[in-house]
Amino acid sequence: ISVRRSLGDYGIVGETFTKSAMFGLGWPEVGIIAIVAVLIFGPKKIPELGSALGKTLRGFKDEMDAEAADFEDADYVEDTEQT
């Protein structure tokens, strides 16, 4: 999904551009963030950081799924005890 906005909102009149739906950032902003990340961490460290972030998010998701399953099991046990 993209949002079409007038550049007049940003001080430029007469043209339009498309912003990405991810956090309201456009491609120029994403490019600048990528360049700054490469300058700060170096090109060799970026894949390691991405991998670590992915593992962290995957672990968080697994824990949330486990908690949800435990909650549903506890709910089921309560329902069966009441009947």
C-alpha atoms as a PDB file:
ATOM      1  CA  ILE A   1       0.000   0.000   0.000  1.00  0.00           C
ATOM      2  CA  SER A   2       1.331   3.406  -0.821  1.00  0.00           C
ATOM      3  CA  VAL A   3       0.160   6.865   0.036  1.00  0.00           C
ATOM      4  CA  ARG A   4       0.158   9.567  -2.601  1.00  0.00           C
ATOM      5  CA  ARG A   5       0.883  12.979  -1.163  1.00  0.00           C
ATOM      6  CA  SER A   6       1.491  16.350  -2.634  1.00  0.00           C
ATOM      7  CA  LEU A   7       5.008  17.676  -2.277  1.00  0.00           C
ATOM      8  CA  GLY A   8       3.310  20.893  -1.193  1.00  0.00           C
ATOM      9  CA  ASP A   9       3.003  19.227   2.207  1.00  0.00           C
ATOM     10  CA  TYR A  10       6.798  19.255   2.288  1.00  0.00           C
ATOM     11  CA  GLY A  11       7.354  22.708   0.805  1.00  0.00           C
ATOM     12  CA  ILE A  12       7.532  21.663  -2.876  1.00  0.00           C
ATOM     13  CA  VAL A  13       4.558  22.566  -5.057  1.00  0.00           C
ATOM     14  CA  GLY A  14       3.279  21.064  -8.296  1.00  0.00           C
ATOM     15  CA  GLU A  15       4.599  17.479  -8.179  1.00  0.00           C
ATOM     16  CA  THR A  16       3.623  14.277  -6.416  1.00  0.00           C
ATOM     17  CA  PHE A  17       5.573  11.295  -5.208  1.00  0.00           C
ATOM     18  CA  THR A  18       4.761   7.946  -3.614  1.00  0.00           C
ATOM     19  CA  LYS A  19       5.764   7.069  -0.073  1.00  0.00           C
ATOM     20  CA  SER A  20       6.010   3.472   1.062  1.00  0.00           C
ATOM     21  CA  ALA A  21       3.623   2.231   3.718  1.00  0.00           C
ATOM     22  CA  MET A  22       6.441   1.059   5.987  1.00  0.00           C
ATOM     23  CA  PHE A  23       6.647   3.651   8.761  1.00  0.00           C
ATOM     24  CA  GLY A  24       5.753   6.368   6.250  1.00  0.00           C
ATOM     25  CA  LEU A  25       9.277   6.332   4.787  1.00  0.00           C
ATOM     26  CA  GLY A  26       9.928   6.872   1.116  1.00  0.00           C
ATOM     27  CA  TRP A  27      12.710   5.258  -0.891  1.00  0.00           C
ATOM     28  CA  PRO A  28      15.066   8.239  -0.491  1.00  0.00           C
ATOM     29  CA  GLU A  29      14.788   8.017   3.299  1.00  0.00           C
ATOM     30  CA  VAL A  30      15.332   4.248   3.262  1.00  0.00           C
ATOM     31  CA  GLY A  31      18.404   4.761   1.051  1.00  0.00           C
ATOM     32  CA  ILE A  32      19.861   7.368   3.383  1.00  0.00           C
ATOM     33  CA  ILE A  33      19.295   5.095   6.393  1.00  0.00           C
ATOM     34  CA  ALA A  34      21.023   2.225   4.553  1.00  0.00           C
ATOM     35  CA  ILE A  35      24.010   4.411   3.656  1.00  0.00           C
ATOM     36  CA  VAL A  36      24.343   5.641   7.247  1.00  0.00           C
ATOM     37  CA  ALA A  37      24.122   2.047   8.524  1.00  0.00           C
ATOM     38  CA  VAL A  38      26.911   0.964   6.154  1.00  0.00           C
ATOM     39  CA  LEU A  39      29.046   3.924   7.232  1.00  0.00           C
ATOM     40  CA  ILE A  40      28.519   3.189  10.928  1.00  0.00           C
ATOM     41  CA  PHE A  41      28.738  -0.610  10.963  1.00  0.00           C
ATOM     42  CA  GLY A  42      30.628  -1.399   7.773  1.00  0.00           C
ATOM     43  CA  PRO A  43      29.497  -3.654   4.946  1.00  0.00           C
ATOM     44  CA  LYS A  44      30.776  -6.848   6.644  1.00  0.00           C
ATOM     45  CA  LYS A  45      28.833  -6.289   9.863  1.00  0.00           C
ATOM     46  CA  ILE A  46      25.410  -5.550   8.278  1.00  0.00           C
ATOM     47  CA  PRO A  47      24.555  -9.227   7.469  1.00  0.00           C
ATOM     48  CA  GLU A  48      25.558 -10.261  11.008  1.00  0.00           C
ATOM     49  CA  LEU A  49      23.301  -7.589  12.485  1.00  0.00           C
ATOM     50  CA  GLY A  50      20.419  -8.645  10.228  1.00  0.00           C
ATOM     51  CA  SER A  51      20.879 -12.272  11.218  1.00  0.00           C
ATOM     52  CA  ALA A  52      20.969 -11.428  14.926  1.00  0.00           C
ATOM     53  CA  LEU A  53      17.862  -9.268  14.596  1.00  0.00           C
ATOM     54  CA  GLY A  54      16.053 -12.042  12.714  1.00  0.00           C
ATOM     55  CA  LYS A  55      16.943 -14.626  15.372  1.00  0.00           C
ATOM     56  CA  THR A  56      15.810 -12.279  18.119  1.00  0.00           C
ATOM     57  CA  LEU A  57      12.482 -11.557  16.428  1.00  0.00           C
ATOM     58  CA  ARG A  58      11.964 -15.264  15.674  1.00  0.00           C
ATOM     59  CA  GLY A  59      12.617 -16.154  19.331  1.00  0.00           C
ATOM     60  CA  PHE A  60      10.236 -13.425  20.488  1.00  0.00           C
ATOM     61  CA  LYS A  61       7.526 -14.696  18.124  1.00  0.00           C
ATOM     62  CA  ASP A  62       8.021 -18.291  19.299  1.00  0.00           C
ATOM     63  CA  GLU A  63       7.679 -17.214  22.935  1.00  0.00           C
ATOM     64  CA  MET A  64       4.542 -15.204  22.163  1.00  0.00           C
ATOM     65  CA  ASP A  65       3.042 -18.193  20.323  1.00  0.00           C
ATOM     66  CA  ALA A  66       3.903 -20.474  23.269  1.00  0.00           C
ATOM     67  CA  GLU A  67       2.273 -18.046  25.724  1.00  0.00           C
ATOM     68  CA  ALA A  68      -0.831 -17.854  23.537  1.00  0.00           C
ATOM     69  CA  ALA A  69      -1.011 -21.653  23.389  1.00  0.00           C
ATOM     70  CA  ASP A  70      -0.600 -21.893  27.180  1.00  0.00           C
ATOM     71  CA  PHE A  71      -3.324 -19.294  27.640  1.00  0.00           C
ATOM     72  CA  GLU A  72      -5.674 -21.203  25.324  1.00  0.00           C
ATOM     73  CA  ASP A  73      -4.902 -24.484  27.143  1.00  0.00           C
ATOM     74  CA  ALA A  74      -5.628 -22.856  30.509  1.00  0.00           C
ATOM     75  CA  ASP A  75      -8.853 -21.408  29.123  1.00  0.00           C
ATOM     76  CA  TYR A  76      -9.873 -24.852  27.847  1.00  0.00           C
ATOM     77  CA  VAL A  77      -9.123 -26.452  31.236  1.00  0.00           C
ATOM     78  CA  GLU A  78     -11.217 -23.808  33.039  1.00  0.00           C
ATOM     79  CA  ASP A  79     -14.108 -24.381  30.608  1.00  0.00           C
ATOM     80  CA  THR A  80     -14.044 -28.156  31.103  1.00  0.00           C
ATOM     81  CA  GLU A  81     -13.833 -27.837  34.902  1.00  0.00           C
ATOM     82  CA  GLN A  82     -16.929 -25.618  34.982  1.00  0.00           C
ATOM     83  CA  THR A  83     -19.099 -28.110  33.062  1.00  0.00           C
END
